[in-house]
Amino acid sequence: MSDNAHATITITCVDNVPARLGVTEILKEKSDYRNYSNEPKYWLDFGNS
C-alpha cells in the first residue's frame, strides 16, 4: 500500500431515517471543504432501522 493512500471513514449509530439524512447533509458540507476530493469516503452506520 502506498504511503500516500488516504481515505475518510465516518462511523455513526443512528436509529432513524431523518437522522441519517441529517448526517448525509453534514458529510456533504464537509466534503466540500476537503482538499482531497479524490480520496475515497466510507460511511458505516450501525444503528437500527
N, C-alpha and C. Protein backbone atom coordinates (compact mmCIF):
# COMPACT_ATOMS: atom_id res chain seq x y z
N MET A 1 0.84 -1.17 0.00
CA MET A 1 0.00 0.00 0.00
C MET A 1 0.89 1.24 0.00
N SER A 2 0.48 2.21 -0.73
CA SER A 2 1.23 3.45 -0.84
C SER A 2 1.21 4.23 0.47
N ASP A 3 2.32 4.89 0.77
CA ASP A 3 2.37 5.76 1.95
C ASP A 3 1.46 6.97 1.79
N ASN A 4 1.06 7.25 0.56
CA ASN A 4 0.20 8.40 0.30
C ASN A 4 -1.27 8.03 0.22
N ALA A 5 -1.61 6.81 0.55
CA ALA A 5 -3.01 6.37 0.48
C ALA A 5 -3.79 7.01 1.63
N HIS A 6 -4.91 7.63 1.30
CA HIS A 6 -5.76 8.29 2.29
C HIS A 6 -7.21 7.91 2.04
N ALA A 7 -7.99 7.89 3.10
CA ALA A 7 -9.44 7.68 2.99
C ALA A 7 -10.08 8.34 4.21
N THR A 8 -11.32 8.73 4.04
CA THR A 8 -12.09 9.28 5.15
C THR A 8 -13.12 8.23 5.54
N ILE A 9 -13.13 7.86 6.83
CA ILE A 9 -14.09 6.88 7.33
C ILE A 9 -14.93 7.54 8.42
N THR A 10 -16.24 7.51 8.24
CA THR A 10 -17.17 8.07 9.22
C THR A 10 -18.02 6.92 9.76
N ILE A 11 -18.10 6.83 11.09
CA ILE A 11 -18.90 5.79 11.73
C ILE A 11 -19.98 6.46 12.57
N THR A 12 -21.24 6.07 12.33
CA THR A 12 -22.35 6.62 13.10
C THR A 12 -23.21 5.48 13.63
N CYS A 13 -24.10 5.83 14.54
CA CYS A 13 -25.05 4.86 15.09
C CYS A 13 -26.35 5.60 15.37
N VAL A 14 -27.15 5.77 14.32
CA VAL A 14 -28.44 6.46 14.46
C VAL A 14 -29.56 5.48 14.15
N ASP A 15 -30.74 5.75 14.70
CA ASP A 15 -31.84 4.78 14.62
C ASP A 15 -33.02 5.21 13.77
N ASN A 16 -32.86 6.26 12.96
CA ASN A 16 -33.99 6.63 12.12
C ASN A 16 -33.52 7.34 10.85
N VAL A 17 -34.39 7.36 9.88
CA VAL A 17 -34.05 7.93 8.57
C VAL A 17 -33.78 9.42 8.65
N PRO A 18 -34.58 10.22 9.37
CA PRO A 18 -34.28 11.65 9.43
C PRO A 18 -32.87 11.95 9.97
N ALA A 19 -32.43 11.17 10.95
CA ALA A 19 -31.08 11.37 11.48
C ALA A 19 -30.03 11.04 10.43
N ARG A 20 -30.25 9.98 9.67
CA ARG A 20 -29.31 9.62 8.61
C ARG A 20 -29.26 10.70 7.53
N LEU A 21 -30.41 11.26 7.21
CA LEU A 21 -30.44 12.35 6.22
C LEU A 21 -29.68 13.57 6.75
N GLY A 22 -29.78 13.82 8.04
CA GLY A 22 -29.02 14.92 8.64
C GLY A 22 -27.53 14.68 8.55
N VAL A 23 -27.11 13.45 8.83
CA VAL A 23 -25.69 13.10 8.71
C VAL A 23 -25.24 13.25 7.26
N THR A 24 -26.08 12.85 6.33
CA THR A 24 -25.75 12.98 4.90
C THR A 24 -25.44 14.43 4.56
N GLU A 25 -26.27 15.35 5.03
CA GLU A 25 -26.04 16.77 4.75
C GLU A 25 -24.74 17.26 5.36
N ILE A 26 -24.45 16.83 6.57
CA ILE A 26 -23.20 17.22 7.23
C ILE A 26 -22.00 16.71 6.44
N LEU A 27 -22.05 15.45 6.03
CA LEU A 27 -20.94 14.87 5.27
C LEU A 27 -20.76 15.56 3.93
N LYS A 28 -21.84 15.94 3.28
CA LYS A 28 -21.74 16.67 2.01
C LYS A 28 -21.06 18.01 2.22
N GLU A 29 -21.45 18.72 3.28
CA GLU A 29 -20.83 20.02 3.57
C GLU A 29 -19.34 19.86 3.86
N LYS A 30 -18.99 18.88 4.66
CA LYS A 30 -17.58 18.64 4.99
C LYS A 30 -16.79 18.27 3.75
N SER A 31 -17.39 17.50 2.87
CA SER A 31 -16.72 17.07 1.65
C SER A 31 -16.34 18.26 0.78
N ASP A 32 -17.15 19.30 0.81
CA ASP A 32 -16.87 20.50 0.00
C ASP A 32 -15.63 21.24 0.49
N TYR A 33 -15.28 21.08 1.76
CA TYR A 33 -14.15 21.80 2.33
C TYR A 33 -12.83 21.03 2.26
N ARG A 34 -12.88 19.81 1.82
CA ARG A 34 -11.68 18.97 1.79
C ARG A 34 -10.80 19.32 0.60
N ASN A 35 -9.51 19.26 0.81
CA ASN A 35 -8.56 19.45 -0.28
C ASN A 35 -8.36 18.16 -1.07
N TYR A 36 -8.77 17.04 -0.50
CA TYR A 36 -8.56 15.74 -1.12
C TYR A 36 -9.87 15.19 -1.64
N SER A 37 -10.47 15.87 -2.58
CA SER A 37 -11.78 15.45 -3.08
C SER A 37 -11.74 14.14 -3.84
N ASN A 38 -10.55 13.70 -4.23
CA ASN A 38 -10.45 12.45 -4.99
C ASN A 38 -10.18 11.23 -4.10
N GLU A 39 -10.09 11.41 -2.79
CA GLU A 39 -9.85 10.26 -1.91
C GLU A 39 -11.18 9.58 -1.58
N PRO A 40 -11.15 8.27 -1.36
CA PRO A 40 -12.39 7.55 -1.07
C PRO A 40 -12.98 7.95 0.28
N LYS A 41 -14.29 7.90 0.34
CA LYS A 41 -15.01 8.21 1.57
C LYS A 41 -15.94 7.05 1.90
N TYR A 42 -15.92 6.61 3.15
CA TYR A 42 -16.75 5.50 3.59
C TYR A 42 -17.58 5.95 4.77
N TRP A 43 -18.84 5.52 4.78
CA TRP A 43 -19.74 5.84 5.88
C TRP A 43 -20.36 4.53 6.36
N LEU A 44 -20.12 4.20 7.61
CA LEU A 44 -20.68 2.99 8.22
C LEU A 44 -21.67 3.41 9.30
N ASP A 45 -22.90 2.97 9.19
CA ASP A 45 -23.90 3.28 10.21
C ASP A 45 -24.35 1.97 10.85
N PHE A 46 -24.24 1.89 12.17
CA PHE A 46 -24.56 0.67 12.89
C PHE A 46 -25.83 0.79 13.73
N GLY A 47 -26.69 1.74 13.38
CA GLY A 47 -27.94 1.90 14.11
C GLY A 47 -29.00 0.93 13.62
N ASN A 48 -30.14 0.95 14.30
CA ASN A 48 -31.28 0.12 13.90
C ASN A 48 -32.05 0.79 12.78
N SER A 49 -32.93 0.09 12.16
CA SER A 49 -33.84 0.55 11.10
C SER A 49 -33.16 0.55 9.75
